[in-house]
Amino acid sequence: MSSREFDPFRLDVAAFAKAAGQLDGRWPLAQFDRLTESAVAGARGLEAGAVSWSARGESRAMRGGESQVWLHLTAATSVPLECQRCLKPVDTALRLERSFLFVHGEDAAAQLDADSDDDVLALTRALDLRELIEDELLLALPIVPRHDVCPEPLAVAADVELSDERPNPFAALAALKRTDLN
């Protein structure tokens, strides 16, 4: 491993992979603007929240060609979202573990991404890891956040009938048939 210093805000991914570099840290959740916009309005704890992350570069030798450049990311945080059942805040743990293959050029990345199960990105000399981590955490947000068990019982509208008895739809058809016969 190299003792070279890598900047997570301007990461040279190819050099990072070649050096088998490793980075990790904790960034305040408040620095992830788009992620905090997803949080429930007025949520407490956003200022104290943090995103723990780690990144590891890998260069995989390929037979008869140039080495593949890989970036392996992990990140974890908790974001207060609005429960879609009770509309109260629910702390939602977000965790990701992703690997990205980097290739030269946007066209090659788009083509390979369409043909491959791997996540493929265009190689850049100045990747902002925080932005990539935020993108991946946004993709990890649940579509419908909710408590396993809501803290308060759900209110039922007064005009909703809670009867188990439902009219038999075939009874209505039988009545129509009788009127047609007469």
Protein backbone atom coordinates (compact mmCIF):
# COMPACT_ATOMS: atom_id res chain seq x y z
CA MET A 1 0.00 0.00 0.00
CA SER A 2 1.10 3.51 -0.70
CA SER A 3 1.47 6.24 1.88
CA ARG A 4 0.06 8.74 -0.61
CA GLU A 5 -2.65 11.03 0.72
CA PHE A 6 -5.97 10.97 -1.13
CA ASP A 7 -8.56 13.75 -0.92
CA PRO A 8 -12.11 12.34 -0.70
CA PHE A 9 -13.50 15.53 -2.26
CA ARG A 10 -11.21 15.34 -5.32
CA LEU A 11 -10.36 11.65 -5.55
CA ASP A 12 -8.24 10.46 -8.47
CA VAL A 13 -9.99 7.09 -8.74
CA ALA A 14 -7.41 5.47 -11.06
CA ALA A 15 -4.50 6.37 -8.77
CA PHE A 16 -6.55 5.36 -5.70
CA ALA A 17 -7.28 1.94 -7.22
CA LYS A 18 -3.68 1.43 -8.39
CA ALA A 19 -2.40 2.21 -4.89
CA ALA A 20 -5.09 -0.02 -3.31
CA GLY A 21 -5.98 3.04 -1.29
CA GLN A 22 -8.33 3.09 1.66
CA LEU A 23 -10.21 6.00 3.17
CA ASP A 24 -12.81 6.20 5.89
CA GLY A 25 -14.42 8.77 8.10
CA ARG A 26 -17.55 10.40 9.49
CA TRP A 27 -19.19 13.43 7.98
CA PRO A 28 -21.97 15.41 9.65
CA LEU A 29 -25.39 14.52 8.26
CA ALA A 30 -26.11 18.25 7.90
CA GLN A 31 -23.51 18.39 5.08
CA PHE A 32 -25.73 16.12 2.93
CA ASP A 33 -28.24 18.75 1.78
CA ARG A 34 -30.35 16.55 -0.50
CA LEU A 35 -30.55 13.77 2.07
CA THR A 36 -31.59 16.10 4.89
CA GLU A 37 -34.29 17.58 2.61
CA SER A 38 -35.83 14.09 2.63
CA ALA A 39 -36.05 14.15 6.42
CA VAL A 40 -39.29 15.01 8.17
CA ALA A 41 -39.70 18.79 8.61
CA GLY A 42 -38.48 20.04 11.99
CA ALA A 43 -36.82 16.73 12.84
CA ARG A 44 -34.54 16.75 15.85
CA GLY A 45 -31.14 15.14 15.74
CA LEU A 46 -30.16 16.07 12.19
CA GLU A 47 -27.44 18.38 13.54
CA ALA A 48 -25.98 15.58 15.66
CA GLY A 49 -26.34 12.86 13.00
CA ALA A 50 -23.40 11.58 11.01
CA VAL A 51 -22.64 9.43 7.99
CA SER A 52 -19.95 6.81 8.60
CA TRP A 53 -18.24 5.70 5.42
CA SER A 54 -15.29 3.83 3.99
CA ALA A 55 -13.85 3.54 0.49
CA ARG A 56 -11.37 1.06 -0.92
CA GLY A 57 -9.75 1.11 -4.34
CA GLU A 58 -8.90 -2.00 -6.32
CA SER A 59 -7.09 -2.57 -9.60
CA ARG A 60 -7.98 -5.93 -11.17
CA ALA A 61 -5.57 -7.26 -13.77
CA MET A 62 -7.32 -8.44 -16.93
CA ARG A 63 -5.83 -10.95 -19.31
CA GLY A 64 -4.69 -9.24 -22.49
CA GLY A 65 -5.89 -5.77 -21.55
CA GLU A 66 -5.60 -2.91 -19.17
CA SER A 67 -6.53 -3.34 -15.51
CA GLN A 68 -10.05 -2.66 -14.31
CA VAL A 69 -10.51 0.18 -11.84
CA TRP A 70 -12.89 -0.61 -8.95
CA LEU A 71 -14.11 1.47 -6.03
CA HIS A 72 -15.81 -0.27 -3.10
CA LEU A 73 -17.99 1.92 -0.85
CA THR A 74 -19.78 1.34 2.42
CA ALA A 75 -21.80 3.93 4.32
CA ALA A 76 -24.32 4.04 7.13
CA THR A 77 -26.51 6.66 8.77
CA SER A 78 -29.96 7.17 10.25
CA VAL A 79 -32.46 9.72 8.92
CA PRO A 80 -35.79 10.69 10.51
CA LEU A 81 -38.45 10.23 7.81
CA GLU A 82 -42.23 10.62 7.97
CA CYS A 83 -44.09 7.37 8.68
CA GLN A 84 -46.69 6.92 5.95
CA ARG A 85 -49.17 5.33 8.37
CA CYS A 86 -49.16 7.63 11.39
CA LEU A 87 -47.32 10.65 9.88
CA LYS A 88 -44.91 10.78 12.87
CA PRO A 89 -41.11 10.73 12.54
CA VAL A 90 -39.52 7.30 12.18
CA ASP A 91 -35.73 6.90 12.45
CA THR A 92 -34.72 5.01 9.33
CA ALA A 93 -31.34 3.29 9.19
CA LEU A 94 -29.67 3.53 5.79
CA ARG A 95 -26.79 1.21 4.90
CA LEU A 96 -25.06 0.69 1.62
CA GLU A 97 -22.35 -1.54 0.33
CA ARG A 98 -21.63 -0.91 -3.34
CA SER A 99 -18.86 -1.58 -5.83
CA PHE A 100 -18.30 0.53 -8.94
CA LEU A 101 -16.36 -0.31 -12.07
CA PHE A 102 -14.81 2.77 -13.68
CA VAL A 103 -14.20 2.90 -17.44
CA HIS A 104 -12.88 5.56 -19.81
CA GLY A 105 -15.62 7.79 -21.23
CA GLU A 106 -19.35 8.31 -20.69
CA ASP A 107 -20.31 6.34 -23.80
CA ALA A 108 -18.35 3.27 -22.71
CA ALA A 109 -19.86 3.55 -19.21
CA ALA A 110 -23.39 3.77 -20.58
CA GLN A 111 -22.88 0.82 -22.93
CA LEU A 112 -21.25 -1.40 -20.33
CA ASP A 113 -23.78 -0.40 -17.65
CA ALA A 114 -26.64 -1.48 -19.93
CA ASP A 115 -24.96 -4.85 -20.63
CA SER A 116 -23.66 -5.60 -17.13
CA ASP A 117 -25.01 -6.25 -13.65
CA ASP A 118 -22.14 -4.16 -12.23
CA ASP A 119 -22.48 -0.46 -11.49
CA VAL A 120 -20.37 1.28 -14.11
CA LEU A 121 -19.25 4.92 -14.00
CA ALA A 122 -17.03 7.05 -16.21
CA LEU A 123 -13.49 7.46 -14.90
CA THR A 124 -12.72 10.89 -13.56
CA ARG A 125 -9.63 12.44 -12.03
CA ALA A 126 -11.64 14.37 -9.43
CA LEU A 127 -14.48 12.33 -7.93
CA ASP A 128 -16.32 13.83 -4.96
CA LEU A 129 -16.87 10.83 -2.67
CA ARG A 130 -19.34 12.71 -0.48
CA GLU A 131 -21.54 13.41 -3.50
CA LEU A 132 -21.39 9.78 -4.64
CA ILE A 133 -22.22 8.55 -1.13
CA GLU A 134 -25.15 10.98 -0.92
CA ASP A 135 -26.47 9.76 -4.29
CA GLU A 136 -26.31 6.15 -3.11
CA LEU A 137 -27.95 6.94 0.26
CA LEU A 138 -30.79 8.72 -1.58
CA LEU A 139 -31.28 5.59 -3.67
CA ALA A 140 -31.36 3.53 -0.45
CA LEU A 141 -34.29 5.55 1.00
CA PRO A 142 -37.38 3.40 1.44
CA ILE A 143 -40.26 4.14 -0.91
CA VAL A 144 -42.76 3.99 1.96
CA PRO A 145 -41.10 4.70 5.32
CA ARG A 146 -43.09 3.41 8.28
CA HIS A 147 -42.78 2.17 11.84
CA ASP A 148 -42.94 -1.57 12.47
CA VAL A 149 -45.54 -0.63 15.08
CA CYS A 150 -46.72 2.97 15.17
CA PRO A 151 -46.22 4.66 18.58
CA GLU A 152 -49.85 5.81 18.77
CA PRO A 153 -53.00 4.02 17.62
CA LEU A 154 -54.18 5.17 14.23
CA ALA A 155 -57.28 7.36 14.24
CA VAL A 156 -60.30 5.96 12.41
CA ALA A 157 -62.70 8.35 10.73
CA ALA A 158 -66.10 8.51 12.50
CA ASP A 159 -68.09 7.84 9.33
CA VAL A 160 -66.21 4.62 8.51
CA GLU A 161 -68.28 1.56 9.34
CA LEU A 162 -66.24 -1.16 11.04
CA SER A 163 -68.68 -3.97 10.32
CA ASP A 164 -67.48 -7.38 9.18
CA GLU A 165 -70.79 -7.91 7.38
CA ARG A 166 -70.61 -7.04 3.72
CA PRO A 167 -73.50 -7.29 1.32
CA ASN A 168 -73.29 -10.29 -0.95
CA PRO A 169 -72.77 -9.01 -4.50
CA PHE A 170 -74.60 -12.03 -5.92
CA ALA A 171 -77.71 -11.16 -3.88
CA ALA A 172 -77.99 -7.94 -5.87
CA LEU A 173 -77.66 -9.91 -9.11
CA ALA A 174 -80.36 -12.36 -8.00
CA ALA A 175 -82.69 -9.43 -7.29
CA LEU A 176 -82.06 -8.04 -10.78
CA LYS A 177 -82.73 -11.44 -12.35
CA ARG A 178 -86.07 -11.74 -10.52
CA THR A 179 -87.22 -8.32 -11.77
CA ASP A 180 -86.30 -9.24 -15.37
CA LEU A 181 -88.38 -12.42 -15.20
CA ASN A 182 -91.50 -10.59 -14.05
